[in-house]
Amino acid sequence: MVVSKKTPAKKAESTEFAVIKTGGKQYRVAVGDVVTIEKILGEHKEGDAVVFDKVLLVDDGKNTTIGTPYIDGAKVTGALTKIGKAKKVEVMKYKAKSRYLKIRGHRQPYFKVTIEKIK
């Protein structure tokens, strides 16, 4: 008996990508990607340009440049498309037999950024 397997279609990737560091996390980005990142300090509004200067790696399809820890002069530029808050996370403290109950909630702020240029 022959079983045929369907292979999932691969997403077309652009040849140029970079690895950036922001908010204590690292992200692999390419031009056109939409990335959800931690909130950046300062006054920002939707439509603002965001520049990431902590670039760890750049690959243009032919050459790969790795920083120690960052690449001097490398920048990734994006546009801030959305400012929002994540779903609420509830934290509960409870002690049995003592009528003690505390419930707290937290909504983490985030930015959605569309990557426009890697240089």
PDB file of N, CA and C in Angstrom:
ATOM      1  N   MET A   1       0.842  -1.172   0.000  1.00  0.00           N
ATOM      2  CA  MET A   1       0.000   0.000   0.000  1.00  0.00           C
ATOM      3  C   MET A   1       0.892   1.241   0.000  1.00  0.00           C
ATOM      4  N   VAL A   2       0.582   2.174  -0.878  1.00  0.00           N
ATOM      5  CA  VAL A   2       1.366   3.397  -1.009  1.00  0.00           C
ATOM      6  C   VAL A   2       0.577   4.548  -0.402  1.00  0.00           C
ATOM      7  N   VAL A   3       1.217   5.260   0.475  1.00  0.00           N
ATOM      8  CA  VAL A   3       0.583   6.411   1.107  1.00  0.00           C
ATOM      9  C   VAL A   3       1.268   7.661   0.572  1.00  0.00           C
ATOM     10  N   SER A   4       0.473   8.543  -0.012  1.00  0.00           N
ATOM     11  CA  SER A   4       1.061   9.781  -0.527  1.00  0.00           C
ATOM     12  C   SER A   4       0.946  10.866   0.535  1.00  0.00           C
ATOM     13  N   LYS A   5       1.996  11.618   0.667  1.00  0.00           N
ATOM     14  CA  LYS A   5       2.008  12.707   1.637  1.00  0.00           C
ATOM     15  C   LYS A   5       2.091  14.030   0.893  1.00  0.00           C
ATOM     16  N   LYS A   6       1.280  14.957   1.330  1.00  0.00           N
ATOM     17  CA  LYS A   6       1.347  16.289   0.748  1.00  0.00           C
ATOM     18  C   LYS A   6       2.365  17.101   1.538  1.00  0.00           C
ATOM     19  N   THR A   7       3.254  17.739   0.827  1.00  0.00           N
ATOM     20  CA  THR A   7       4.210  18.615   1.496  1.00  0.00           C
ATOM     21  C   THR A   7       3.646  20.025   1.491  1.00  0.00           C
ATOM     22  N   PRO A   8       3.748  20.715   2.608  1.00  0.00           N
ATOM     23  CA  PRO A   8       3.214  22.073   2.657  1.00  0.00           C
ATOM     24  C   PRO A   8       4.002  23.000   1.743  1.00  0.00           C
ATOM     25  N   ALA A   9       3.295  23.944   1.145  1.00  0.00           N
ATOM     26  CA  ALA A   9       3.942  24.907   0.269  1.00  0.00           C
ATOM     27  C   ALA A   9       4.840  25.816   1.097  1.00  0.00           C
ATOM     28  N   LYS A  10       6.049  26.040   0.607  1.00  0.00           N
ATOM     29  CA  LYS A  10       6.981  26.894   1.333  1.00  0.00           C
ATOM     30  C   LYS A  10       6.695  28.350   1.015  1.00  0.00           C
ATOM     31  N   LYS A  11       6.826  29.166   2.042  1.00  0.00           N
ATOM     32  CA  LYS A  11       6.619  30.595   1.889  1.00  0.00           C
ATOM     33  C   LYS A  11       7.835  31.191   1.190  1.00  0.00           C
ATOM     34  N   ALA A  12       7.599  32.023   0.206  1.00  0.00           N
ATOM     35  CA  ALA A  12       8.701  32.667  -0.493  1.00  0.00           C
ATOM     36  C   ALA A  12       9.379  33.666   0.438  1.00  0.00           C
ATOM     37  N   GLU A  13      10.661  33.479   0.642  1.00  0.00           N
ATOM     38  CA  GLU A  13      11.403  34.368   1.526  1.00  0.00           C
ATOM     39  C   GLU A  13      12.227  35.336   0.694  1.00  0.00           C
ATOM     40  N   SER A  14      12.348  36.558   1.201  1.00  0.00           N
ATOM     41  CA  SER A  14      13.261  37.476   0.557  1.00  0.00           C
ATOM     42  C   SER A  14      14.675  37.034   0.905  1.00  0.00           C
ATOM     43  N   THR A  15      15.612  37.379   0.053  1.00  0.00           N
ATOM     44  CA  THR A  15      16.969  36.894   0.267  1.00  0.00           C
ATOM     45  C   THR A  15      17.692  37.666   1.352  1.00  0.00           C
ATOM     46  N   GLU A  16      17.251  38.886   1.649  1.00  0.00           N
ATOM     47  CA  GLU A  16      17.933  39.696   2.652  1.00  0.00           C
ATOM     48  C   GLU A  16      17.172  39.649   3.972  1.00  0.00           C
ATOM     49  N   PHE A  17      17.906  39.388   5.057  1.00  0.00           N
ATOM     50  CA  PHE A  17      17.285  39.419   6.376  1.00  0.00           C
ATOM     51  C   PHE A  17      18.303  39.907   7.396  1.00  0.00           C
ATOM     52  N   ALA A  18      17.801  40.231   8.582  1.00  0.00           N
ATOM     53  CA  ALA A  18      18.660  40.697   9.666  1.00  0.00           C
ATOM     54  C   ALA A  18      18.123  40.158  10.979  1.00  0.00           C
ATOM     55  N   VAL A  19      18.975  40.142  11.987  1.00  0.00           N
ATOM     56  CA  VAL A  19      18.570  39.792  13.345  1.00  0.00           C
ATOM     57  C   VAL A  19      18.792  41.036  14.191  1.00  0.00           C
ATOM     58  N   ILE A  20      17.693  41.527  14.801  1.00  0.00           N
ATOM     59  CA  ILE A  20      17.776  42.737  15.616  1.00  0.00           C
ATOM     60  C   ILE A  20      17.481  42.393  17.064  1.00  0.00           C
ATOM     61  N   LYS A  21      17.906  43.281  17.963  1.00  0.00           N
ATOM     62  CA  LYS A  21      17.636  43.093  19.380  1.00  0.00           C
ATOM     63  C   LYS A  21      16.874  44.303  19.882  1.00  0.00           C
ATOM     64  N   THR A  22      15.705  44.072  20.487  1.00  0.00           N
ATOM     65  CA  THR A  22      14.924  45.137  21.086  1.00  0.00           C
ATOM     66  C   THR A  22      14.069  44.550  22.196  1.00  0.00           C
ATOM     67  N   GLY A  23      13.935  45.269  23.271  1.00  0.00           N
ATOM     68  CA  GLY A  23      13.115  44.814  24.386  1.00  0.00           C
ATOM     69  C   GLY A  23      13.627  43.557  25.052  1.00  0.00           C
ATOM     70  N   GLY A  24      14.946  43.304  24.979  1.00  0.00           N
ATOM     71  CA  GLY A  24      15.517  42.117  25.597  1.00  0.00           C
ATOM     72  C   GLY A  24      15.306  40.841  24.804  1.00  0.00           C
ATOM     73  N   LYS A  25      14.787  40.964  23.580  1.00  0.00           N
ATOM     74  CA  LYS A  25      14.536  39.798  22.736  1.00  0.00           C
ATOM     75  C   LYS A  25      15.206  39.997  21.379  1.00  0.00           C
ATOM     76  N   GLN A  26      15.410  38.896  20.657  1.00  0.00           N
ATOM     77  CA  GLN A  26      15.991  38.959  19.323  1.00  0.00           C
ATOM     78  C   GLN A  26      14.944  38.538  18.306  1.00  0.00           C
ATOM     79  N   TYR A  27      14.913  39.239  17.164  1.00  0.00           N
ATOM     80  CA  TYR A  27      13.932  38.980  16.123  1.00  0.00           C
ATOM     81  C   TYR A  27      14.635  38.848  14.782  1.00  0.00           C
ATOM     82  N   ARG A  28      14.226  37.844  13.993  1.00  0.00           N
ATOM     83  CA  ARG A  28      14.702  37.705  12.616  1.00  0.00           C
ATOM     84  C   ARG A  28      13.709  38.453  11.746  1.00  0.00           C
ATOM     85  N   VAL A  29      14.189  39.457  11.004  1.00  0.00           N
ATOM     86  CA  VAL A  29      13.295  40.301  10.222  1.00  0.00           C
ATOM     87  C   VAL A  29      13.776  40.381   8.783  1.00  0.00           C
ATOM     88  N   ALA A  30      12.821  40.552   7.880  1.00  0.00           N
ATOM     89  CA  ALA A  30      13.089  40.804   6.469  1.00  0.00           C
ATOM     90  C   ALA A  30      12.188  41.955   6.041  1.00  0.00           C
ATOM     91  N   VAL A  31      12.485  42.545   4.903  1.00  0.00           N
ATOM     92  CA  VAL A  31      11.689  43.670   4.421  1.00  0.00           C
ATOM     93  C   VAL A  31      10.257  43.196   4.176  1.00  0.00           C
ATOM     94  N   GLY A  32       9.288  43.937   4.724  1.00  0.00           N
ATOM     95  CA  GLY A  32       7.879  43.591   4.573  1.00  0.00           C
ATOM     96  C   GLY A  32       7.302  42.818   5.741  1.00  0.00           C
ATOM     97  N   ASP A  33       8.142  42.324   6.637  1.00  0.00           N
ATOM     98  CA  ASP A  33       7.656  41.581   7.803  1.00  0.00           C
ATOM     99  C   ASP A  33       6.947  42.508   8.785  1.00  0.00           C
ATOM    100  N   VAL A  34       5.934  41.977   9.471  1.00  0.00           N
ATOM    101  CA  VAL A  34       5.266  42.685  10.556  1.00  0.00           C
ATOM    102  C   VAL A  34       5.668  41.985  11.848  1.00  0.00           C
ATOM    103  N   VAL A  35       6.311  42.737  12.747  1.00  0.00           N
ATOM    104  CA  VAL A  35       6.868  42.173  13.969  1.00  0.00           C
ATOM    105  C   VAL A  35       6.169  42.796  15.163  1.00  0.00           C
ATOM    106  N   THR A  36       5.768  41.970  16.131  1.00  0.00           N
ATOM    107  CA  THR A  36       5.191  42.457  17.384  1.00  0.00           C
ATOM    108  C   THR A  36       6.311  42.502  18.413  1.00  0.00           C
ATOM    109  N   ILE A  37       6.602  43.719  18.909  1.00  0.00           N
ATOM    110  CA  ILE A  37       7.715  43.910  19.832  1.00  0.00           C
ATOM    111  C   ILE A  37       7.215  44.531  21.129  1.00  0.00           C
ATOM    112  N   GLU A  38       8.087  44.546  22.131  1.00  0.00           N
ATOM    113  CA  GLU A  38       7.777  45.212  23.389  1.00  0.00           C
ATOM    114  C   GLU A  38       7.689  46.712  23.155  1.00  0.00           C
ATOM    115  N   LYS A  39       6.955  47.397  24.010  1.00  0.00           N
ATOM    116  CA  LYS A  39       6.816  48.846  23.913  1.00  0.00           C
ATOM    117  C   LYS A  39       8.182  49.514  24.056  1.00  0.00           C
ATOM    118  N   ILE A  40       8.432  50.523  23.215  1.00  0.00           N
ATOM    119  CA  ILE A  40       9.670  51.290  23.265  1.00  0.00           C
ATOM    120  C   ILE A  40       9.411  52.544  24.084  1.00  0.00           C
ATOM    121  N   LEU A  41      10.329  52.882  24.979  1.00  0.00           N
ATOM    122  CA  LEU A  41      10.166  54.059  25.820  1.00  0.00           C
ATOM    123  C   LEU A  41      10.121  55.332  24.984  1.00  0.00           C
ATOM    124  N   GLY A  42       9.365  56.306  25.453  1.00  0.00           N
ATOM    125  CA  GLY A  42       9.258  57.585  24.770  1.00  0.00           C
ATOM    126  C   GLY A  42       7.873  57.789  24.193  1.00  0.00           C
ATOM    127  N   GLU A  43       7.668  58.964  23.627  1.00  0.00           N
ATOM    128  CA  GLU A  43       6.384  59.298  23.004  1.00  0.00           C
ATOM    129  C   GLU A  43       6.377  58.808  21.561  1.00  0.00           C
ATOM    130  N   HIS A  44       5.463  57.913  21.242  1.00  0.00           N
ATOM    131  CA  HIS A  44       5.333  57.380  19.888  1.00  0.00           C
ATOM    132  C   HIS A  44       3.861  57.363  19.514  1.00  0.00           C
ATOM    133  N   LYS A  45       3.587  57.507  18.219  1.00  0.00           N
ATOM    134  CA  LYS A  45       2.223  57.360  17.725  1.00  0.00           C
ATOM    135  C   LYS A  45       2.264  56.555  16.428  1.00  0.00           C
ATOM    136  N   GLU A  46       1.130  56.032  16.045  1.00  0.00           N
ATOM    137  CA  GLU A  46       1.066  55.189  14.857  1.00  0.00           C
ATOM    138  C   GLU A  46       1.497  55.982  13.634  1.00  0.00           C
ATOM    139  N   GLY A  47       2.297  55.343  12.784  1.00  0.00           N
ATOM    140  CA  GLY A  47       2.818  55.997  11.597  1.00  0.00           C
ATOM    141  C   GLY A  47       4.238  56.513  11.762  1.00  0.00           C
ATOM    142  N   ASP A  48       4.737  56.575  12.994  1.00  0.00           N
ATOM    143  CA  ASP A  48       6.104  57.045  13.236  1.00  0.00           C
ATOM    144  C   ASP A  48       7.120  56.051  12.682  1.00  0.00           C
ATOM    145  N   ALA A  49       8.296  56.580  12.327  1.00  0.00           N
ATOM    146  CA  ALA A  49       9.400  55.731  11.892  1.00  0.00           C
ATOM    147  C   ALA A  49      10.141  55.220  13.122  1.00  0.00           C
ATOM    148  N   VAL A  50      10.532  53.957  13.082  1.00  0.00           N
ATOM    149  CA  VAL A  50      11.278  53.335  14.173  1.00  0.00           C
ATOM    150  C   VAL A  50      12.595  52.830  13.593  1.00  0.00           C
ATOM    151  N   VAL A  51      13.714  53.182  14.240  1.00  0.00           N
ATOM    152  CA  VAL A  51      15.033  52.760  13.772  1.00  0.00           C
ATOM    153  C   VAL A  51      15.652  51.848  14.827  1.00  0.00           C
ATOM    154  N   PHE A  52      16.045  50.658  14.404  1.00  0.00           N
ATOM    155  CA  PHE A  52      16.716  49.700  15.280  1.00  0.00           C
ATOM    156  C   PHE A  52      18.200  49.730  14.934  1.00  0.00           C
ATOM    157  N   ASP A  53      19.041  50.143  15.886  1.00  0.00           N
ATOM    158  CA  ASP A  53      20.475  50.202  15.621  1.00  0.00           C
ATOM    159  C   ASP A  53      21.241  49.047  16.259  1.00  0.00           C
ATOM    160  N   LYS A  54      20.568  48.233  17.052  1.00  0.00           N
ATOM    161  CA  LYS A  54      21.204  47.047  17.632  1.00  0.00           C
ATOM    162  C   LYS A  54      20.967  45.868  16.686  1.00  0.00           C
ATOM    163  N   VAL A  55      21.797  45.799  15.644  1.00  0.00           N
ATOM    164  CA  VAL A  55      21.686  44.762  14.623  1.00  0.00           C
ATOM    165  C   VAL A  55      22.776  43.731  14.895  1.00  0.00           C
ATOM    166  N   LEU A  56      22.368  42.482  15.090  1.00  0.00           N
ATOM    167  CA  LEU A  56      23.300  41.409  15.434  1.00  0.00           C
ATOM    168  C   LEU A  56      23.845  40.689  14.209  1.00  0.00           C
ATOM    169  N   LEU A  57      23.029  40.585  13.145  1.00  0.00           N
ATOM    170  CA  LEU A  57      23.423  39.825  11.965  1.00  0.00           C
ATOM    171  C   LEU A  57      22.710  40.393  10.753  1.00  0.00           C
ATOM    172  N   VAL A  58      23.407  40.449   9.620  1.00  0.00           N
ATOM    173  CA  VAL A  58      22.799  40.850   8.352  1.00  0.00           C
ATOM    174  C   VAL A  58      23.224  39.844   7.299  1.00  0.00           C
ATOM    175  N   ASP A  59      22.254  39.331   6.536  1.00  0.00           N
ATOM    176  CA  ASP A  59      22.524  38.399   5.441  1.00  0.00           C
ATOM    177  C   ASP A  59      21.857  38.954   4.199  1.00  0.00           C
ATOM    178  N   ASP A  60      22.661  39.226   3.143  1.00  0.00           N
ATOM    179  CA  ASP A  60      22.106  39.779   1.914  1.00  0.00           C
ATOM    180  C   ASP A  60      21.931  38.731   0.821  1.00  0.00           C
ATOM    181  N   GLY A  61      22.051  37.470   1.164  1.00  0.00           N
ATOM    182  CA  GLY A  61      21.899  36.401   0.189  1.00  0.00           C
ATOM    183  C   GLY A  61      23.234  35.863  -0.289  1.00  0.00           C
ATOM    184  N   LYS A  62      24.262  36.705  -0.267  1.00  0.00           N
ATOM    185  CA  LYS A  62      25.600  36.294  -0.684  1.00  0.00           C
ATOM    186  C   LYS A  62      26.581  36.329   0.480  1.00  0.00           C
ATOM    187  N   ASN A  63      26.513  37.405   1.256  1.00  0.00           N
ATOM    188  CA  ASN A  63      27.434  37.581   2.375  1.00  0.00           C
ATOM    189  C   ASN A  63      26.667  37.656   3.684  1.00  0.00           C
ATOM    190  N   THR A  64      27.262  37.108   4.725  1.00  0.00           N
ATOM    191  CA  THR A  64      26.687  37.187   6.062  1.00  0.00           C
ATOM    192  C   THR A  64      27.653  37.955   6.951  1.00  0.00           C
ATOM    193  N   THR A  65      27.131  38.992   7.621  1.00  0.00           N
ATOM    194  CA  THR A  65      27.939  39.792   8.528  1.00  0.00           C
ATOM    195  C   THR A  65      27.423  39.566   9.940  1.00  0.00           C
ATOM    196  N   ILE A  66      28.325  39.184  10.827  1.00  0.00           N
ATOM    197  CA  ILE A  66      27.966  38.930  12.218  1.00  0.00           C
ATOM    198  C   ILE A  66      28.668  39.967  13.081  1.00  0.00           C
ATOM    199  N   GLY A  67      27.920  40.588  13.982  1.00  0.00           N
ATOM    200  CA  GLY A  67      28.481  41.615  14.848  1.00  0.00           C
ATOM    201  C   GLY A  67      29.115  41.034  16.095  1.00  0.00           C
ATOM    202  N   THR A  68      29.896  41.895  16.777  1.00  0.00           N
ATOM    203  CA  THR A  68      30.541  41.485  18.027  1.00  0.00           C
ATOM    204  C   THR A  68      30.297  42.515  19.114  1.00  0.00           C
ATOM    205  N   PRO A  69      29.209  42.651  19.758  1.00  0.00           N
ATOM    206  CA  PRO A  69      27.954  41.944  19.533  1.00  0.00           C
ATOM    207  C   PRO A  69      27.079  42.598  18.462  1.00  0.00           C
ATOM    208  N   TYR A  70      27.321  43.894  18.143  1.00  0.00           N
ATOM    209  CA  TYR A  70      26.490  44.579  17.153  1.00  0.00           C
ATOM    210  C   TYR A  70      27.335  44.964  15.948  1.00  0.00           C
ATOM    211  N   ILE A  71      26.663  45.194  14.817  1.00  0.00           N
ATOM    212  CA  ILE A  71      27.333  45.617  13.595  1.00  0.00           C
ATOM    213  C   ILE A  71      27.351  47.139  13.576  1.00  0.00           C
ATOM    214  N   ASP A  72      28.548  47.725  13.466  1.00  0.00           N
ATOM    215  CA  ASP A  72      28.675  49.180  13.428  1.00  0.00           C
ATOM    216  C   ASP A  72      28.075  49.728  12.136  1.00  0.00           C
ATOM    217  N   GLY A  73      27.213  50.728  12.258  1.00  0.00           N
ATOM    218  CA  GLY A  73      26.628  51.388  11.097  1.00  0.00           C
ATOM    219  C   GLY A  73      25.423  50.694  10.498  1.00  0.00           C
ATOM    220  N   ALA A  74      25.074  49.527  10.967  1.00  0.00           N
ATOM    221  CA  ALA A  74      23.911  48.812  10.428  1.00  0.00           C
ATOM    222  C   ALA A  74      22.644  49.303  11.110  1.00  0.00           C
ATOM    223  N   LYS A  75      21.591  49.486  10.310  1.00  0.00           N
ATOM    224  CA  LYS A  75      20.310  49.942  10.848  1.00  0.00           C
ATOM    225  C   LYS A  75      19.174  49.224  10.141  1.00  0.00           C
ATOM    226  N   VAL A  76      18.115  48.995  10.884  1.00  0.00           N
ATOM    227  CA  VAL A  76      16.878  48.454  10.324  1.00  0.00           C
ATOM    228  C   VAL A  76      15.797  49.486  10.600  1.00  0.00           C
ATOM    229  N   THR A  77      15.096  49.902   9.543  1.00  0.00           N
ATOM    230  CA  THR A  77      14.077  50.939   9.657  1.00  0.00           C
ATOM    231  C   THR A  77      12.705  50.320   9.457  1.00  0.00           C
ATOM    232  N   GLY A  78      11.746  50.782  10.257  1.00  0.00           N
ATOM    233  CA  GLY A  78      10.380  50.286  10.153  1.00  0.00           C
ATOM    234  C   GLY A  78       9.380  51.376  10.447  1.00  0.00           C
ATOM    235  N   ALA A  79       8.116  51.073  10.217  1.00  0.00           N
ATOM    236  CA  ALA A  79       7.029  52.005  10.506  1.00  0.00           C
ATOM    237  C   ALA A  79       6.144  51.400  11.584  1.00  0.00           C
ATOM    238  N   LEU A  80       5.788  52.214  12.552  1.00  0.00           N
ATOM    239  CA  LEU A  80       4.932  51.782  13.654  1.00  0.00           C
ATOM    240  C   LEU A  80       3.494  51.733  13.149  1.00  0.00           C
ATOM    241  N   THR A  81       2.935  50.528  13.026  1.00  0.00           N
ATOM    242  CA  THR A  81       1.599  50.383  12.457  1.00  0.00           C
ATOM    243  C   THR A  81       0.503  50.275  13.506  1.00  0.00           C
ATOM    244  N   LYS A  82       0.835  49.788  14.710  1.00  0.00           N
ATOM    245  CA  LYS A  82      -0.203  49.641  15.728  1.00  0.00           C
ATOM    246  C   LYS A  82       0.407  49.704  17.116  1.00  0.00           C
ATOM    247  N   ILE A  83      -0.292  50.386  18.019  1.00  0.00           N
ATOM    248  CA  ILE A  83       0.066  50.408  19.432  1.00  0.00           C
ATOM    249  C   ILE A  83      -1.103  49.777  20.174  1.00  0.00           C
ATOM    250  N   GLY A  84      -0.837  48.778  20.992  1.00  0.00           N
ATOM    251  CA  GLY A  84      -1.938  48.111  21.675  1.00  0.00           C
ATOM    252  C   GLY A  84      -1.505  47.443  22.962  1.00  0.00           C
ATOM    253  N   LYS A  85      -2.453  46.723  23.541  1.00  0.00           N
ATOM    254  CA  LYS A  85      -2.198  45.945  24.746  1.00  0.00           C
ATOM    255  C   LYS A  85      -2.618  44.505  24.489  1.00  0.00           C
ATOM    256  N   ALA A  86      -1.858  43.576  25.050  1.00  0.00           N
ATOM    257  CA  ALA A  86      -2.156  42.157  24.899  1.00  0.00           C
ATOM    258  C   ALA A  86      -3.362  41.792  25.760  1.00  0.00           C
ATOM    259  N   LYS A  87      -3.820  40.556  25.627  1.00  0.00           N
ATOM    260  CA  LYS A  87      -4.929  40.093  26.455  1.00  0.00           C
ATOM    261  C   LYS A  87      -4.519  40.091  27.918  1.00  0.00           C
ATOM    262  N   LYS A  88      -5.504  40.224  28.783  1.00  0.00           N
ATOM    263  CA  LYS A  88      -5.237  40.316  30.215  1.00  0.00           C
ATOM    264  C   LYS A  88      -4.772  38.973  30.776  1.00  0.00           C
ATOM    265  N   VAL A  89      -3.733  39.059  31.596  1.00  0.00           N
ATOM    266  CA  VAL A  89      -3.239  37.906  32.334  1.00  0.00           C
ATOM    267  C   VAL A  89      -3.636  38.127  33.783  1.00  0.00           C
ATOM    268  N   GLU A  90      -4.378  37.183  34.363  1.00  0.00           N
ATOM    269  CA  GLU A  90      -4.812  37.328  35.747  1.00  0.00           C
ATOM    270  C   GLU A  90      -3.915  36.518  36.669  1.00  0.00           C
ATOM    271  N   VAL A  91      -3.521  37.154  37.764  1.00  0.00           N
ATOM    272  CA  VAL A  91      -2.684  36.517  38.777  1.00  0.00           C
ATOM    273  C   VAL A  91      -3.512  36.421  40.045  1.00  0.00           C
ATOM    274  N   MET A  92      -3.551  35.234  40.647  1.00  0.00           N
ATOM    275  CA  MET A  92      -4.390  35.033  41.822  1.00  0.00           C
ATOM    276  C   MET A  92      -3.556  34.488  42.975  1.00  0.00           C
ATOM    277  N   LYS A  93      -3.726  35.105  44.143  1.00  0.00           N
ATOM    278  CA  LYS A  93      -3.138  34.585  45.378  1.00  0.00           C
ATOM    279  C   LYS A  93      -4.286  34.050  46.219  1.00  0.00           C
ATOM    280  N   TYR A  94      -4.096  32.866  46.789  1.00  0.00           N
ATOM    281  CA  TYR A  94      -5.171  32.243  47.557  1.00  0.00           C
ATOM    282  C   TYR A  94      -4.565  31.461  48.708  1.00  0.00           C
ATOM    283  N   LYS A  95      -5.144  31.641  49.881  1.00  0.00           N
ATOM    284  CA  LYS A  95      -4.762  30.836  51.037  1.00  0.00           C
ATOM    285  C   LYS A  95      -6.007  30.139  51.553  1.00  0.00           C
ATOM    286  N   ALA A  96      -5.928  28.836  51.652  1.00  0.00           N
ATOM    287  CA  ALA A  96      -7.074  28.051  52.090  1.00  0.00           C
ATOM    288  C   ALA A  96      -7.378  28.304  53.564  1.00  0.00           C
ATOM    289  N   LYS A  97      -8.636  28.233  53.915  1.00  0.00           N
ATOM    290  CA  LYS A  97      -9.135  28.297  55.294  1.00  0.00           C
ATOM    291  C   LYS A  97      -8.867  29.623  55.994  1.00  0.00           C
ATOM    292  N   SER A  98      -8.538  30.673  55.249  1.00  0.00           N
ATOM    293  CA  SER A  98      -8.275  31.940  55.925  1.00  0.00           C
ATOM    294  C   SER A  98      -8.982  33.121  55.259  1.00  0.00           C
ATOM    295  N   ARG A  99      -9.862  32.850  54.318  1.00  0.00           N
ATOM    296  CA  ARG A  99     -10.614  33.882  53.608  1.00  0.00           C
ATOM    297  C   ARG A  99      -9.692  34.904  52.935  1.00  0.00           C
ATOM    298  N   TYR A 100      -8.590  34.427  52.391  1.00  0.00           N
ATOM    299  CA  TYR A 100      -7.617  35.303  51.753  1.00  0.00           C
ATOM    300  C   TYR A 100      -7.616  35.032  50.256  1.00  0.00           C
ATOM    301  N   LEU A 101      -7.942  36.051  49.460  1.00  0.00           N
ATOM    302  CA  LEU A 101      -7.967  35.919  48.007  1.00  0.00           C
ATOM    303  C   LEU A 101      -7.650  37.278  47.403  1.00  0.00           C
ATOM    304  N   LYS A 102      -6.654  37.313  46.530  1.00  0.00           N
ATOM    305  CA  LYS A 102      -6.325  38.534  45.795  1.00  0.00           C
ATOM    306  C   LYS A 102      -6.229  38.183  44.326  1.00  0.00           C
ATOM    307  N   ILE A 103      -6.861  38.988  43.494  1.00  0.00           N
ATOM    308  CA  ILE A 103      -6.797  38.793  42.053  1.00  0.00           C
ATOM    309  C   ILE A 103      -6.305  40.092  41.434  1.00  0.00           C
ATOM    310  N   ARG A 104      -5.265  40.004  40.642  1.00  0.00           N
ATOM    311  CA  ARG A 104      -4.708  41.154  39.946  1.00  0.00           C
ATOM    312  C   ARG A 104      -4.624  40.814  38.462  1.00  0.00           C
ATOM    313  N   GLY A 105      -4.749  41.832  37.631  1.00  0.00           N
ATOM    314  CA  GLY A 105      -4.638  41.636  36.196  1.00  0.00           C
ATOM    315  C   GLY A 105      -3.537  42.506  35.617  1.00  0.00           C
ATOM    316  N   HIS A 106      -3.008  42.080  34.466  1.00  0.00           N
ATOM    317  CA  HIS A 106      -1.961  42.841  33.788  1.00  0.00           C
ATOM    318  C   HIS A 106      -2.134  42.703  32.285  1.00  0.00           C
ATOM    319  N   ARG A 107      -2.047  43.827  31.571  1.00  0.00           N
ATOM    320  CA  ARG A 107      -2.072  43.818  30.109  1.00  0.00           C
ATOM    321  C   ARG A 107      -0.764  44.418  29.612  1.00  0.00           C
ATOM    322  N   GLN A 108       0.031  43.612  28.925  1.00  0.00           N
ATOM    323  CA  GLN A 108       1.346  44.038  28.455  1.00  0.00           C
ATOM    324  C   GLN A 108       1.205  44.894  27.199  1.00  0.00           C
ATOM    325  N   PRO A 109       1.773  46.110  27.193  1.00  0.00           N
ATOM    326  CA  PRO A 109       1.719  46.936  25.987  1.00  0.00           C
ATOM    327  C   PRO A 109       2.664  46.399  24.909  1.00  0.00           C
ATOM    328  N   TYR A 110       2.289  46.596  23.633  1.00  0.00           N
ATOM    329  CA  TYR A 110       3.123  46.137  22.522  1.00  0.00           C
ATOM    330  C   TYR A 110       3.034  47.110  21.358  1.00  0.00           C
ATOM    331  N   PHE A 111       4.005  47.006  20.453  1.00  0.00           N
ATOM    332  CA  PHE A 111       4.024  47.750  19.195  1.00  0.00           C
ATOM    333  C   PHE A 111       4.047  46.739  18.062  1.00  0.00           C
ATOM    334  N   LYS A 112       3.327  47.036  16.980  1.00  0.00           N
ATOM    335  CA  LYS A 112       3.461  46.265  15.741  1.00  0.00           C
ATOM    336  C   LYS A 112       4.219  47.142  14.762  1.00  0.00           C
ATOM    337  N   VAL A 113       5.321  46.615  14.238  1.00  0.00           N
ATOM    338  CA  VAL A 113       6.199  47.374  13.357  1.00  0.00           C
ATOM    339  C   VAL A 113       6.320  46.641  12.028  1.00  0.00           C
ATOM    340  N   THR A 114       6.171  47.385  10.919  1.00  0.00           N
ATOM    341  CA  THR A 114       6.390  46.844   9.585  1.00  0.00           C
ATOM    342  C   THR A 114       7.800  47.231   9.152  1.00  0.00           C
ATOM    343  N   ILE A 115       8.617  46.246   8.816  1.00  0.00           N
ATOM    344  CA  ILE A 115      10.012  46.494   8.441  1.00  0.00           C
ATOM    345  C   ILE A 115      10.049  47.023   7.012  1.00  0.00           C
ATOM    346  N   GLU A 116      10.749  48.167   6.830  1.00  0.00           N
ATOM    347  CA  GLU A 116      10.802  48.812   5.518  1.00  0.00           C
ATOM    348  C   GLU A 116      12.169  48.721   4.851  1.00  0.00           C
ATOM    349  N   LYS A 117      13.243  48.841   5.640  1.00  0.00           N
ATOM    350  CA  LYS A 117      14.567  48.901   5.029  1.00  0.00           C
ATOM    351  C   LYS A 117      15.610  48.287   5.949  1.00  0.00           C
ATOM    352  N   ILE A 118      16.547  47.549   5.334  1.00  0.00           N
ATOM    353  CA  ILE A 118      17.692  46.995   6.054  1.00  0.00           C
ATOM    354  C   ILE A 118      18.945  47.548   5.392  1.00  0.00           C
ATOM    355  N   LYS A 119      19.785  48.244   6.185  1.00  0.00           N
ATOM    356  CA  LYS A 119      21.053  48.729   5.609  1.00  0.00           C
ATOM    357  C   LYS A 119      22.166  48.688   6.625  1.00  0.00           C
TER     358      LYS A 119
END
